[in-house]
Amino acid sequence: MAESNSKSKIDSTREWIVEHKLRSVGCLWLSGIVGSIAYNWSQPGMKTSVRIIHARLHAQALTLAALAGAAVVEYYDHKSGAKSERYAQFLDSKPHKD
């Protein structure tokens, strides 16, 4: 029973990420910047400009990885037909005006 509950959480998380790809990439970028700045600030002997540059580079790498992941999810949805079913369901529910 707990297995089905955790699976539904994973499925709902996946659906949210599919629906909000750009928002999830932006959140990952922001968390990458914050995490990298926090890590670099703990390293002694670095200039502030070097810390900021390192944080930007780490966040840029995370963003590229997130965009690649979003592309894989998009490809999988397109290949499986789940995306076309979602759009067909949306279009069928709208009333037609004559």
PDB file of N, CA and C in Angstrom:
ATOM      1  N   MET A   1       0.826  -1.193   0.000  1.00  0.00           N
ATOM      2  CA  MET A   1       0.000   0.000   0.000  1.00  0.00           C
ATOM      3  C   MET A   1       0.866   1.251   0.000  1.00  0.00           C
ATOM      4  N   ALA A   2       1.944   1.228   0.775  1.00  0.00           N
ATOM      5  CA  ALA A   2       2.856   2.374   0.802  1.00  0.00           C
ATOM      6  C   ALA A   2       3.556   2.531  -0.540  1.00  0.00           C
ATOM      7  N   GLU A   3       3.759   1.416  -1.249  1.00  0.00           N
ATOM      8  CA  GLU A   3       4.419   1.477  -2.543  1.00  0.00           C
ATOM      9  C   GLU A   3       3.573   2.228  -3.561  1.00  0.00           C
ATOM     10  N   SER A   4       2.263   1.985  -3.567  1.00  0.00           N
ATOM     11  CA  SER A   4       1.387   2.679  -4.509  1.00  0.00           C
ATOM     12  C   SER A   4       1.286   4.163  -4.169  1.00  0.00           C
ATOM     13  N   ASN A   5       1.361   4.502  -2.878  1.00  0.00           N
ATOM     14  CA  ASN A   5       1.310   5.894  -2.461  1.00  0.00           C
ATOM     15  C   ASN A   5       2.563   6.638  -2.922  1.00  0.00           C
ATOM     16  N   SER A   6       3.731   6.024  -2.754  1.00  0.00           N
ATOM     17  CA  SER A   6       4.965   6.672  -3.183  1.00  0.00           C
ATOM     18  C   SER A   6       5.029   6.765  -4.700  1.00  0.00           C
ATOM     19  N   LYS A   7       4.487   5.780  -5.380  1.00  0.00           N
ATOM     20  CA  LYS A   7       4.471   5.829  -6.837  1.00  0.00           C
ATOM     21  C   LYS A   7       3.591   6.971  -7.321  1.00  0.00           C
ATOM     22  N   SER A   8       2.486   7.211  -6.674  1.00  0.00           N
ATOM     23  CA  SER A   8       1.616   8.303  -7.089  1.00  0.00           C
ATOM     24  C   SER A   8       2.290   9.652  -6.846  1.00  0.00           C
ATOM     25  N   LYS A   9       3.101   9.744  -5.784  1.00  0.00           N
ATOM     26  CA  LYS A   9       3.843  10.986  -5.547  1.00  0.00           C
ATOM     27  C   LYS A   9       4.882  11.198  -6.634  1.00  0.00           C
ATOM     28  N   ILE A  10       5.563  10.128  -7.031  1.00  0.00           N
ATOM     29  CA  ILE A  10       6.551  10.235  -8.095  1.00  0.00           C
ATOM     30  C   ILE A  10       5.867  10.608  -9.402  1.00  0.00           C
ATOM     31  N   ASP A  11       4.735   9.974  -9.678  1.00  0.00           N
ATOM     32  CA  ASP A  11       4.001  10.297 -10.902  1.00  0.00           C
ATOM     33  C   ASP A  11       3.491  11.728 -10.896  1.00  0.00           C
ATOM     34  N   SER A  12       2.989  12.180  -9.757  1.00  0.00           N
ATOM     35  CA  SER A  12       2.497  13.557  -9.698  1.00  0.00           C
ATOM     36  C   SER A  12       3.640  14.561  -9.820  1.00  0.00           C
ATOM     37  N   THR A  13       4.812  14.225  -9.263  1.00  0.00           N
ATOM     38  CA  THR A  13       5.980  15.096  -9.414  1.00  0.00           C
ATOM     39  C   THR A  13       6.416  15.142 -10.866  1.00  0.00           C
ATOM     40  N   ARG A  14       6.437  13.997 -11.532  1.00  0.00           N
ATOM     41  CA  ARG A  14       6.809  13.943 -12.938  1.00  0.00           C
ATOM     42  C   ARG A  14       5.831  14.743 -13.795  1.00  0.00           C
ATOM     43  N   GLU A  15       4.542  14.614 -13.511  1.00  0.00           N
ATOM     44  CA  GLU A  15       3.543  15.371 -14.266  1.00  0.00           C
ATOM     45  C   GLU A  15       3.720  16.872 -14.062  1.00  0.00           C
ATOM     46  N   TRP A  16       4.040  17.283 -12.825  1.00  0.00           N
ATOM     47  CA  TRP A  16       4.255  18.709 -12.570  1.00  0.00           C
ATOM     48  C   TRP A  16       5.458  19.210 -13.357  1.00  0.00           C
ATOM     49  N   ILE A  17       6.533  18.422 -13.390  1.00  0.00           N
ATOM     50  CA  ILE A  17       7.725  18.830 -14.128  1.00  0.00           C
ATOM     51  C   ILE A  17       7.436  18.895 -15.621  1.00  0.00           C
ATOM     52  N   VAL A  18       6.647  17.959 -16.134  1.00  0.00           N
ATOM     53  CA  VAL A  18       6.280  17.983 -17.550  1.00  0.00           C
ATOM     54  C   VAL A  18       5.463  19.232 -17.869  1.00  0.00           C
ATOM     55  N   GLU A  19       4.555  19.592 -16.991  1.00  0.00           N
ATOM     56  CA  GLU A  19       3.706  20.765 -17.224  1.00  0.00           C
ATOM     57  C   GLU A  19       4.460  22.082 -17.036  1.00  0.00           C
ATOM     58  N   HIS A  20       5.464  22.104 -16.172  1.00  0.00           N
ATOM     59  CA  HIS A  20       6.187  23.344 -15.838  1.00  0.00           C
ATOM     60  C   HIS A  20       7.679  23.182 -16.091  1.00  0.00           C
ATOM     61  N   LYS A  21       8.041  22.880 -17.319  1.00  0.00           N
ATOM     62  CA  LYS A  21       9.448  22.625 -17.643  1.00  0.00           C
ATOM     63  C   LYS A  21      10.318  23.840 -17.379  1.00  0.00           C
ATOM     64  N   LEU A  22       9.921  24.979 -17.866  1.00  0.00           N
ATOM     65  CA  LEU A  22      10.749  26.179 -17.703  1.00  0.00           C
ATOM     66  C   LEU A  22      10.856  26.598 -16.245  1.00  0.00           C
ATOM     67  N   ARG A  23       9.783  26.467 -15.509  1.00  0.00           N
ATOM     68  CA  ARG A  23       9.819  26.805 -14.092  1.00  0.00           C
ATOM     69  C   ARG A  23      10.762  25.879 -13.339  1.00  0.00           C
ATOM     70  N   SER A  24      10.743  24.589 -13.674  1.00  0.00           N
ATOM     71  CA  SER A  24      11.640  23.656 -12.991  1.00  0.00           C
ATOM     72  C   SER A  24      13.098  23.905 -13.369  1.00  0.00           C
ATOM     73  N   VAL A  25      13.360  24.266 -14.626  1.00  0.00           N
ATOM     74  CA  VAL A  25      14.728  24.599 -15.028  1.00  0.00           C
ATOM     75  C   VAL A  25      15.181  25.869 -14.318  1.00  0.00           C
ATOM     76  N   GLY A  26      14.310  26.855 -14.210  1.00  0.00           N
ATOM     77  CA  GLY A  26      14.648  28.095 -13.502  1.00  0.00           C
ATOM     78  C   GLY A  26      14.914  27.861 -12.025  1.00  0.00           C
ATOM     79  N   CYS A  27      14.115  27.016 -11.405  1.00  0.00           N
ATOM     80  CA  CYS A  27      14.343  26.695  -9.986  1.00  0.00           C
ATOM     81  C   CYS A  27      15.657  25.962  -9.801  1.00  0.00           C
ATOM     82  N   LEU A  28      15.971  25.057 -10.723  1.00  0.00           N
ATOM     83  CA  LEU A  28      17.243  24.348 -10.641  1.00  0.00           C
ATOM     84  C   LEU A  28      18.410  25.318 -10.820  1.00  0.00           C
ATOM     85  N   TRP A  29      18.278  26.254 -11.740  1.00  0.00           N
ATOM     86  CA  TRP A  29      19.324  27.259 -11.957  1.00  0.00           C
ATOM     87  C   TRP A  29      19.524  28.102 -10.698  1.00  0.00           C
ATOM     88  N   LEU A  30      18.433  28.569 -10.122  1.00  0.00           N
ATOM     89  CA  LEU A  30      18.525  29.402  -8.920  1.00  0.00           C
ATOM     90  C   LEU A  30      19.134  28.623  -7.754  1.00  0.00           C
ATOM     91  N   SER A  31      18.717  27.386  -7.577  1.00  0.00           N
ATOM     92  CA  SER A  31      19.298  26.588  -6.494  1.00  0.00           C
ATOM     93  C   SER A  31      20.768  26.283  -6.769  1.00  0.00           C
ATOM     94  N   GLY A  32      21.147  26.142  -8.023  1.00  0.00           N
ATOM     95  CA  GLY A  32      22.544  25.940  -8.373  1.00  0.00           C
ATOM     96  C   GLY A  32      23.399  27.145  -8.045  1.00  0.00           C
ATOM     97  N   ILE A  33      22.877  28.337  -8.351  1.00  0.00           N
ATOM     98  CA  ILE A  33      23.596  29.577  -8.017  1.00  0.00           C
ATOM     99  C   ILE A  33      23.761  29.692  -6.505  1.00  0.00           C
ATOM    100  N   VAL A  34      22.675  29.520  -5.762  1.00  0.00           N
ATOM    101  CA  VAL A  34      22.715  29.670  -4.303  1.00  0.00           C
ATOM    102  C   VAL A  34      23.644  28.625  -3.679  1.00  0.00           C
ATOM    103  N   GLY A  35      23.529  27.385  -4.108  1.00  0.00           N
ATOM    104  CA  GLY A  35      24.380  26.334  -3.564  1.00  0.00           C
ATOM    105  C   GLY A  35      25.853  26.540  -3.882  1.00  0.00           C
ATOM    106  N   SER A  36      26.126  26.972  -5.094  1.00  0.00           N
ATOM    107  CA  SER A  36      27.513  27.189  -5.482  1.00  0.00           C
ATOM    108  C   SER A  36      28.117  28.386  -4.752  1.00  0.00           C
ATOM    109  N   ILE A  37      27.344  29.445  -4.592  1.00  0.00           N
ATOM    110  CA  ILE A  37      27.839  30.603  -3.833  1.00  0.00           C
ATOM    111  C   ILE A  37      28.096  30.198  -2.385  1.00  0.00           C
ATOM    112  N   ALA A  38      27.181  29.418  -1.804  1.00  0.00           N
ATOM    113  CA  ALA A  38      27.377  28.974  -0.420  1.00  0.00           C
ATOM    114  C   ALA A  38      28.627  28.105  -0.295  1.00  0.00           C
ATOM    115  N   TYR A  39      28.839  27.234  -1.258  1.00  0.00           N
ATOM    116  CA  TYR A  39      30.031  26.382  -1.217  1.00  0.00           C
ATOM    117  C   TYR A  39      31.300  27.212  -1.406  1.00  0.00           C
ATOM    118  N   ASN A  40      31.297  28.101  -2.396  1.00  0.00           N
ATOM    119  CA  ASN A  40      32.489  28.908  -2.684  1.00  0.00           C
ATOM    120  C   ASN A  40      32.809  29.871  -1.547  1.00  0.00           C
ATOM    121  N   TRP A  41      31.792  30.339  -0.843  1.00  0.00           N
ATOM    122  CA  TRP A  41      32.040  31.252   0.271  1.00  0.00           C
ATOM    123  C   TRP A  41      32.742  30.545   1.430  1.00  0.00           C
ATOM    124  N   SER A  42      32.587  29.238   1.508  1.00  0.00           N
ATOM    125  CA  SER A  42      33.245  28.499   2.583  1.00  0.00           C
ATOM    126  C   SER A  42      34.716  28.207   2.255  1.00  0.00           C
ATOM    127  N   GLN A  43      35.109  28.406   1.010  1.00  0.00           N
ATOM    128  CA  GLN A  43      36.497  28.172   0.611  1.00  0.00           C
ATOM    129  C   GLN A  43      37.328  29.421   0.880  1.00  0.00           C
ATOM    130  N   PRO A  44      38.344  29.332   1.731  1.00  0.00           N
ATOM    131  CA  PRO A  44      39.165  30.517   2.016  1.00  0.00           C
ATOM    132  C   PRO A  44      40.153  30.805   0.878  1.00  0.00           C
ATOM    133  N   GLY A  45      40.538  32.060   0.773  1.00  0.00           N
ATOM    134  CA  GLY A  45      41.565  32.448  -0.175  1.00  0.00           C
ATOM    135  C   GLY A  45      41.089  32.713  -1.586  1.00  0.00           C
ATOM    136  N   MET A  46      39.789  32.861  -1.791  1.00  0.00           N
ATOM    137  CA  MET A  46      39.262  33.171  -3.116  1.00  0.00           C
ATOM    138  C   MET A  46      38.763  34.608  -3.143  1.00  0.00           C
ATOM    139  N   LYS A  47      38.961  35.261  -4.280  1.00  0.00           N
ATOM    140  CA  LYS A  47      38.399  36.597  -4.447  1.00  0.00           C
ATOM    141  C   LYS A  47      36.887  36.472  -4.668  1.00  0.00           C
ATOM    142  N   THR A  48      36.175  37.534  -4.355  1.00  0.00           N
ATOM    143  CA  THR A  48      34.719  37.537  -4.530  1.00  0.00           C
ATOM    144  C   THR A  48      34.345  37.361  -6.001  1.00  0.00           C
ATOM    145  N   SER A  49      35.090  38.003  -6.899  1.00  0.00           N
ATOM    146  CA  SER A  49      34.774  37.884  -8.327  1.00  0.00           C
ATOM    147  C   SER A  49      34.952  36.441  -8.809  1.00  0.00           C
ATOM    148  N   VAL A  50      35.956  35.743  -8.309  1.00  0.00           N
ATOM    149  CA  VAL A  50      36.172  34.345  -8.696  1.00  0.00           C
ATOM    150  C   VAL A  50      35.046  33.477  -8.151  1.00  0.00           C
ATOM    151  N   ARG A  51      34.593  33.758  -6.943  1.00  0.00           N
ATOM    152  CA  ARG A  51      33.472  33.000  -6.364  1.00  0.00           C
ATOM    153  C   ARG A  51      32.215  33.162  -7.201  1.00  0.00           C
ATOM    154  N   ILE A  52      31.949  34.379  -7.637  1.00  0.00           N
ATOM    155  CA  ILE A  52      30.747  34.640  -8.437  1.00  0.00           C
ATOM    156  C   ILE A  52      30.863  33.970  -9.802  1.00  0.00           C
ATOM    157  N   ILE A  53      32.047  34.015 -10.409  1.00  0.00           N
ATOM    158  CA  ILE A  53      32.244  33.369 -11.706  1.00  0.00           C
ATOM    159  C   ILE A  53      32.060  31.863 -11.585  1.00  0.00           C
ATOM    160  N   HIS A  54      32.605  31.261 -10.534  1.00  0.00           N
ATOM    161  CA  HIS A  54      32.438  29.826 -10.330  1.00  0.00           C
ATOM    162  C   HIS A  54      30.966  29.471 -10.124  1.00  0.00           C
ATOM    163  N   ALA A  55      30.259  30.291  -9.364  1.00  0.00           N
ATOM    164  CA  ALA A  55      28.831  30.041  -9.136  1.00  0.00           C
ATOM    165  C   ALA A  55      28.060  30.097 -10.448  1.00  0.00           C
ATOM    166  N   ARG A  56      28.394  31.060 -11.296  1.00  0.00           N
ATOM    167  CA  ARG A  56      27.715  31.183 -12.590  1.00  0.00           C
ATOM    168  C   ARG A  56      28.012  29.983 -13.472  1.00  0.00           C
ATOM    169  N   LEU A  57      29.247  29.535 -13.486  1.00  0.00           N
ATOM    170  CA  LEU A  57      29.616  28.376 -14.302  1.00  0.00           C
ATOM    171  C   LEU A  57      28.923  27.098 -13.814  1.00  0.00           C
ATOM    172  N   HIS A  58      28.865  26.916 -12.501  1.00  0.00           N
ATOM    173  CA  HIS A  58      28.171  25.738 -11.968  1.00  0.00           C
ATOM    174  C   HIS A  58      26.684  25.782 -12.311  1.00  0.00           C
ATOM    175  N   ALA A  59      26.084  26.942 -12.157  1.00  0.00           N
ATOM    176  CA  ALA A  59      24.655  27.070 -12.469  1.00  0.00           C
ATOM    177  C   ALA A  59      24.409  26.883 -13.966  1.00  0.00           C
ATOM    178  N   GLN A  60      25.324  27.342 -14.786  1.00  0.00           N
ATOM    179  CA  GLN A  60      25.178  27.164 -16.230  1.00  0.00           C
ATOM    180  C   GLN A  60      25.241  25.673 -16.593  1.00  0.00           C
ATOM    181  N   ALA A  61      26.145  24.948 -15.980  1.00  0.00           N
ATOM    182  CA  ALA A  61      26.234  23.510 -16.229  1.00  0.00           C
ATOM    183  C   ALA A  61      24.965  22.791 -15.763  1.00  0.00           C
ATOM    184  N   LEU A  62      24.439  23.176 -14.595  1.00  0.00           N
ATOM    185  CA  LEU A  62      23.184  22.587 -14.117  1.00  0.00           C
ATOM    186  C   LEU A  62      22.024  22.900 -15.058  1.00  0.00           C
ATOM    187  N   THR A  63      21.997  24.109 -15.586  1.00  0.00           N
ATOM    188  CA  THR A  63      20.933  24.501 -16.510  1.00  0.00           C
ATOM    189  C   THR A  63      20.996  23.686 -17.793  1.00  0.00           C
ATOM    190  N   LEU A  64      22.187  23.502 -18.328  1.00  0.00           N
ATOM    191  CA  LEU A  64      22.324  22.679 -19.530  1.00  0.00           C
ATOM    192  C   LEU A  64      21.881  21.244 -19.269  1.00  0.00           C
ATOM    193  N   ALA A  65      22.231  20.718 -18.104  1.00  0.00           N
ATOM    194  CA  ALA A  65      21.791  19.366 -17.757  1.00  0.00           C
ATOM    195  C   ALA A  65      20.273  19.303 -17.610  1.00  0.00           C
ATOM    196  N   ALA A  66      19.676  20.340 -17.003  1.00  0.00           N
ATOM    197  CA  ALA A  66      18.218  20.366 -16.836  1.00  0.00           C
ATOM    198  C   ALA A  66      17.514  20.491 -18.186  1.00  0.00           C
ATOM    199  N   LEU A  67      18.062  21.299 -19.078  1.00  0.00           N
ATOM    200  CA  LEU A  67      17.469  21.429 -20.413  1.00  0.00           C
ATOM    201  C   LEU A  67      17.584  20.121 -21.197  1.00  0.00           C
ATOM    202  N   ALA A  68      18.703  19.437 -21.044  1.00  0.00           N
ATOM    203  CA  ALA A  68      18.850  18.131 -21.692  1.00  0.00           C
ATOM    204  C   ALA A  68      17.836  17.136 -21.116  1.00  0.00           C
ATOM    205  N   GLY A  69      17.643  17.180 -19.806  1.00  0.00           N
ATOM    206  CA  GLY A  69      16.640  16.321 -19.184  1.00  0.00           C
ATOM    207  C   GLY A  69      15.233  16.647 -19.656  1.00  0.00           C
ATOM    208  N   ALA A  70      14.932  17.937 -19.783  1.00  0.00           N
ATOM    209  CA  ALA A  70      13.619  18.352 -20.285  1.00  0.00           C
ATOM    210  C   ALA A  70      13.424  17.900 -21.731  1.00  0.00           C
ATOM    211  N   ALA A  71      14.492  17.935 -22.517  1.00  0.00           N
ATOM    212  CA  ALA A  71      14.403  17.468 -23.900  1.00  0.00           C
ATOM    213  C   ALA A  71      14.128  15.964 -23.951  1.00  0.00           C
ATOM    214  N   VAL A  72      14.754  15.216 -23.051  1.00  0.00           N
ATOM    215  CA  VAL A  72      14.513  13.769 -22.999  1.00  0.00           C
ATOM    216  C   VAL A  72      13.066  13.485 -22.604  1.00  0.00           C
ATOM    217  N   VAL A  73      12.559  14.213 -21.625  1.00  0.00           N
ATOM    218  CA  VAL A  73      11.166  14.036 -21.202  1.00  0.00           C
ATOM    219  C   VAL A  73      10.220  14.396 -22.337  1.00  0.00           C
ATOM    220  N   GLU A  74      10.510  15.480 -23.041  1.00  0.00           N
ATOM    221  CA  GLU A  74       9.678  15.898 -24.172  1.00  0.00           C
ATOM    222  C   GLU A  74       9.702  14.835 -25.274  1.00  0.00           C
ATOM    223  N   TYR A  75      10.873  14.301 -25.550  1.00  0.00           N
ATOM    224  CA  TYR A  75      10.997  13.259 -26.570  1.00  0.00           C
ATOM    225  C   TYR A  75      10.208  12.013 -26.164  1.00  0.00           C
ATOM    226  N   TYR A  76      10.327  11.629 -24.905  1.00  0.00           N
ATOM    227  CA  TYR A  76       9.605  10.453 -24.414  1.00  0.00           C
ATOM    228  C   TYR A  76       8.089  10.673 -24.500  1.00  0.00           C
ATOM    229  N   ASP A  77       7.621  11.852 -24.105  1.00  0.00           N
ATOM    230  CA  ASP A  77       6.187  12.140 -24.181  1.00  0.00           C
ATOM    231  C   ASP A  77       5.698  12.139 -25.629  1.00  0.00           C
ATOM    232  N   HIS A  78       6.516  12.680 -26.510  1.00  0.00           N
ATOM    233  CA  HIS A  78       6.127  12.730 -27.918  1.00  0.00           C
ATOM    234  C   HIS A  78       6.127  11.330 -28.528  1.00  0.00           C
ATOM    235  N   LYS A  79       7.113  10.529 -28.157  1.00  0.00           N
ATOM    236  CA  LYS A  79       7.233   9.181 -28.698  1.00  0.00           C
ATOM    237  C   LYS A  79       6.124   8.266 -28.178  1.00  0.00           C
ATOM    238  N   SER A  80       5.767   8.409 -26.907  1.00  0.00           N
ATOM    239  CA  SER A  80       4.760   7.528 -26.317  1.00  0.00           C
ATOM    240  C   SER A  80       3.337   7.950 -26.679  1.00  0.00           C
ATOM    241  N   GLY A  81       3.164   9.146 -27.165  1.00  0.00           N
ATOM    242  CA  GLY A  81       1.832   9.614 -27.524  1.00  0.00           C
ATOM    243  C   GLY A  81       1.081  10.241 -26.370  1.00  0.00           C
ATOM    244  N   ALA A  82       1.694  10.332 -25.198  1.00  0.00           N
ATOM    245  CA  ALA A  82       1.020  10.913 -24.033  1.00  0.00           C
ATOM    246  C   ALA A  82       0.722  12.391 -24.254  1.00  0.00           C
ATOM    247  N   LYS A  83       1.606  13.066 -24.947  1.00  0.00           N
ATOM    248  CA  LYS A  83       1.406  14.496 -25.189  1.00  0.00           C
ATOM    249  C   LYS A  83       0.229  14.738 -26.130  1.00  0.00           C
ATOM    250  N   SER A  84       0.131  13.945 -27.194  1.00  0.00           N
ATOM    251  CA  SER A  84      -0.971  14.130 -28.131  1.00  0.00           C
ATOM    252  C   SER A  84      -2.310  13.792 -27.476  1.00  0.00           C
ATOM    253  N   GLU A  85      -2.319  12.790 -26.584  1.00  0.00           N
ATOM    254  CA  GLU A  85      -3.549  12.463 -25.860  1.00  0.00           C
ATOM    255  C   GLU A  85      -3.962  13.603 -24.939  1.00  0.00           C
ATOM    256  N   ARG A  86      -2.973  14.241 -24.305  1.00  0.00           N
ATOM    257  CA  ARG A  86      -3.266  15.354 -23.401  1.00  0.00           C
ATOM    258  C   ARG A  86      -3.853  16.528 -24.183  1.00  0.00           C
ATOM    259  N   TYR A  87      -3.285  16.829 -25.351  1.00  0.00           N
ATOM    260  CA  TYR A  87      -3.804  17.929 -26.147  1.00  0.00           C
ATOM    261  C   TYR A  87      -5.173  17.598 -26.730  1.00  0.00           C
ATOM    262  N   ALA A  88      -5.380  16.358 -27.152  1.00  0.00           N
ATOM    263  CA  ALA A  88      -6.675  15.955 -27.682  1.00  0.00           C
ATOM    264  C   ALA A  88      -7.746  16.053 -26.607  1.00  0.00           C
ATOM    265  N   GLN A  89      -7.410  15.663 -25.394  1.00  0.00           N
ATOM    266  CA  GLN A  89      -8.361  15.753 -24.288  1.00  0.00           C
ATOM    267  C   GLN A  89      -8.703  17.216 -24.008  1.00  0.00           C
ATOM    268  N   PHE A  90      -7.714  18.093 -24.087  1.00  0.00           N
ATOM    269  CA  PHE A  90      -7.952  19.517 -23.863  1.00  0.00           C
ATOM    270  C   PHE A  90      -8.822  20.108 -24.962  1.00  0.00           C
ATOM    271  N   LEU A  91      -8.555  19.736 -26.196  1.00  0.00           N
ATOM    272  CA  LEU A  91      -9.318  20.293 -27.315  1.00  0.00           C
ATOM    273  C   LEU A  91     -10.740  19.756 -27.349  1.00  0.00           C
ATOM    274  N   ASP A  92     -10.945  18.510 -26.966  1.00  0.00           N
ATOM    275  CA  ASP A  92     -12.282  17.921 -26.953  1.00  0.00           C
ATOM    276  C   ASP A  92     -13.181  18.498 -25.874  1.00  0.00           C
ATOM    277  N   SER A  93     -12.583  19.025 -24.800  1.00  0.00           N
ATOM    278  CA  SER A  93     -13.396  19.518 -23.710  1.00  0.00           C
ATOM    279  C   SER A  93     -13.899  20.945 -23.960  1.00  0.00           C
ATOM    280  N   LYS A  94     -13.357  21.629 -24.956  1.00  0.00           N
ATOM    281  CA  LYS A  94     -13.809  22.988 -25.260  1.00  0.00           C
ATOM    282  C   LYS A  94     -15.079  22.939 -26.108  1.00  0.00           C
ATOM    283  N   PRO A  95     -16.072  23.747 -25.780  1.00  0.00           N
ATOM    284  CA  PRO A  95     -17.277  23.796 -26.617  1.00  0.00           C
ATOM    285  C   PRO A  95     -16.981  24.541 -27.923  1.00  0.00           C
ATOM    286  N   HIS A  96     -17.555  24.072 -28.989  1.00  0.00           N
ATOM    287  CA  HIS A  96     -17.348  24.698 -30.290  1.00  0.00           C
ATOM    288  C   HIS A  96     -18.391  25.786 -30.517  1.00  0.00           C
ATOM    289  N   LYS A  97     -17.941  26.908 -31.032  1.00  0.00           N
ATOM    290  CA  LYS A  97     -18.871  28.004 -31.352  1.00  0.00           C
ATOM    291  C   LYS A  97     -19.200  27.947 -32.830  1.00  0.00           C
ATOM    292  N   ASP A  98     -20.461  28.128 -33.154  1.00  0.00           N
ATOM    293  CA  ASP A  98     -20.866  28.112 -34.562  1.00  0.00           C
ATOM    294  C   ASP A  98     -21.032  29.490 -35.105  1.00  0.00           C
TER     295      ASP A  98
END
